[in-house]
Amino acid sequence: MKLFFTILIIIFGNVAQSKSDDQSFKTYEGTYYHGFEQSYFILDNGKEKWWLIDQSWNLNRRLQTTENRKVKIKFRGTLSKPGKFGHMGMYTRQVLVKELISFELEPSQ
């Protein structure tokens, strides 16, 4: 029985991995806004807010706070197709951070 579950875990893990590998990774640079019920990103020279999810775990580990913060970041990740994302579906796209390249915390106001 243990063997059966181990095989299932391996199979489903490979399927999930192959789906994520199909996505094209791009480099993004801009400002990340982090705080209570907000986690969004705006490209440099952009206007559209994208819901941001940190799958690299580096961004959240560096912030270690729930207070509102503004951070200049550069990362590799994937951008969703248009839809409704984030807190109450307020964002038209979602960007997943896979690899954090640079991080510069702007001073608190």
Protein backbone atom coordinates (compact mmCIF):
# COMPACT_ATOMS: atom_id res chain seq x y z
CA MET A 1 0.00 0.00 0.00
CA LYS A 2 2.88 2.37 0.82
CA LEU A 3 4.39 1.65 -2.56
CA PHE A 4 1.10 2.50 -4.29
CA PHE A 5 0.92 5.94 -2.62
CA THR A 6 4.58 6.61 -3.31
CA ILE A 7 4.04 5.91 -7.01
CA LEU A 8 0.98 8.19 -7.06
CA ILE A 9 2.95 11.02 -5.47
CA ILE A 10 5.74 10.63 -8.04
CA ILE A 11 3.28 10.58 -10.96
CA PHE A 12 1.32 13.64 -9.81
CA GLY A 13 4.52 15.49 -8.93
CA ASN A 14 5.83 14.96 -12.45
CA VAL A 15 2.55 16.10 -14.02
CA ALA A 16 2.54 19.29 -11.93
CA GLN A 17 6.20 19.92 -12.76
CA SER A 18 5.65 19.47 -16.50
CA LYS A 19 2.76 21.96 -16.45
CA SER A 20 4.88 24.60 -14.73
CA ASP A 21 7.78 23.93 -17.14
CA ASP A 22 5.50 24.76 -20.08
CA GLN A 23 5.19 28.38 -18.94
CA SER A 24 7.64 30.88 -20.37
CA PHE A 25 9.69 32.78 -17.85
CA LYS A 26 10.46 36.45 -18.43
CA THR A 27 12.40 39.09 -16.52
CA TYR A 28 10.31 41.86 -14.95
CA GLU A 29 11.45 45.06 -13.25
CA GLY A 30 9.36 47.54 -11.30
CA THR A 31 7.84 48.34 -7.91
CA TYR A 32 6.24 45.87 -5.53
CA TYR A 33 3.69 47.15 -3.01
CA HIS A 34 3.32 44.94 0.05
CA GLY A 35 0.94 45.32 2.98
CA PHE A 36 -2.40 44.46 4.54
CA GLU A 37 -4.57 42.83 1.84
CA GLN A 38 -2.23 44.02 -0.90
CA SER A 39 0.55 42.40 -2.83
CA TYR A 40 0.83 44.01 -6.22
CA PHE A 41 3.46 44.89 -8.79
CA ILE A 42 3.70 47.72 -11.32
CA LEU A 43 6.24 47.55 -14.15
CA ASP A 44 8.67 50.44 -14.51
CA ASN A 45 6.89 52.97 -16.77
CA GLY A 46 3.68 50.94 -16.40
CA LYS A 47 0.26 51.73 -14.95
CA GLU A 48 -1.45 48.34 -14.63
CA LYS A 49 -1.36 46.69 -11.19
CA TRP A 50 -0.65 42.94 -11.18
CA TRP A 51 -1.29 40.70 -8.17
CA LEU A 52 2.07 39.26 -7.10
CA ILE A 53 2.71 35.82 -5.63
CA ASP A 54 6.23 35.07 -4.41
CA GLN A 55 7.00 31.45 -5.27
CA SER A 56 10.72 32.02 -4.75
CA TRP A 57 10.14 32.67 -1.02
CA ASN A 58 13.02 35.20 -1.09
CA LEU A 59 10.85 38.32 -1.30
CA ASN A 60 8.60 37.45 1.65
CA ARG A 61 11.55 36.28 3.73
CA ARG A 62 13.35 39.60 3.22
CA LEU A 63 10.31 41.72 4.06
CA GLN A 64 9.27 39.85 7.25
CA THR A 65 6.58 42.43 8.00
CA THR A 66 2.91 43.12 7.41
CA GLU A 67 3.33 46.90 7.35
CA ASN A 68 2.93 48.67 4.04
CA ARG A 69 6.21 48.67 2.10
CA LYS A 70 7.33 49.73 -1.35
CA VAL A 71 10.15 47.71 -2.92
CA LYS A 72 12.05 48.05 -6.21
CA ILE A 73 12.48 44.51 -7.54
CA LYS A 74 13.74 42.62 -10.55
CA PHE A 75 12.74 39.00 -10.98
CA ARG A 76 12.11 36.13 -13.36
CA GLY A 77 8.57 34.85 -13.41
CA THR A 78 5.39 34.16 -15.32
CA LEU A 79 2.44 36.40 -16.13
CA SER A 80 -1.11 35.07 -16.23
CA LYS A 81 -3.67 35.65 -18.92
CA PRO A 82 -6.18 38.43 -18.12
CA GLY A 83 -8.71 37.57 -15.40
CA LYS A 84 -9.58 38.50 -11.83
CA PHE A 85 -6.88 37.98 -9.22
CA GLY A 86 -5.90 38.99 -5.72
CA HIS A 87 -7.90 40.58 -2.95
CA MET A 88 -11.54 40.62 -4.06
CA GLY A 89 -10.47 40.03 -7.70
CA MET A 90 -9.28 43.64 -8.05
CA TYR A 91 -6.31 42.86 -10.31
CA THR A 92 -6.50 41.95 -14.01
CA ARG A 93 -3.37 39.78 -14.02
CA GLN A 94 -1.24 37.74 -11.67
CA VAL A 95 2.53 37.49 -11.79
CA LEU A 96 4.38 34.59 -10.14
CA VAL A 97 7.91 35.30 -8.90
CA LYS A 98 10.11 32.27 -9.53
CA GLU A 99 13.55 33.83 -9.00
CA LEU A 100 14.32 37.11 -7.25
CA ILE A 101 17.22 38.91 -8.96
CA SER A 102 17.37 42.22 -7.09
CA PHE A 103 15.61 43.79 -4.11
CA GLU A 104 15.83 47.40 -2.90
CA LEU A 105 13.58 48.40 -0.01
CA GLU A 106 12.43 52.01 -0.25
CA PRO A 107 12.42 53.98 3.01
CA SER A 108 9.23 53.91 5.10
CA GLN A 109 7.16 57.06 4.96
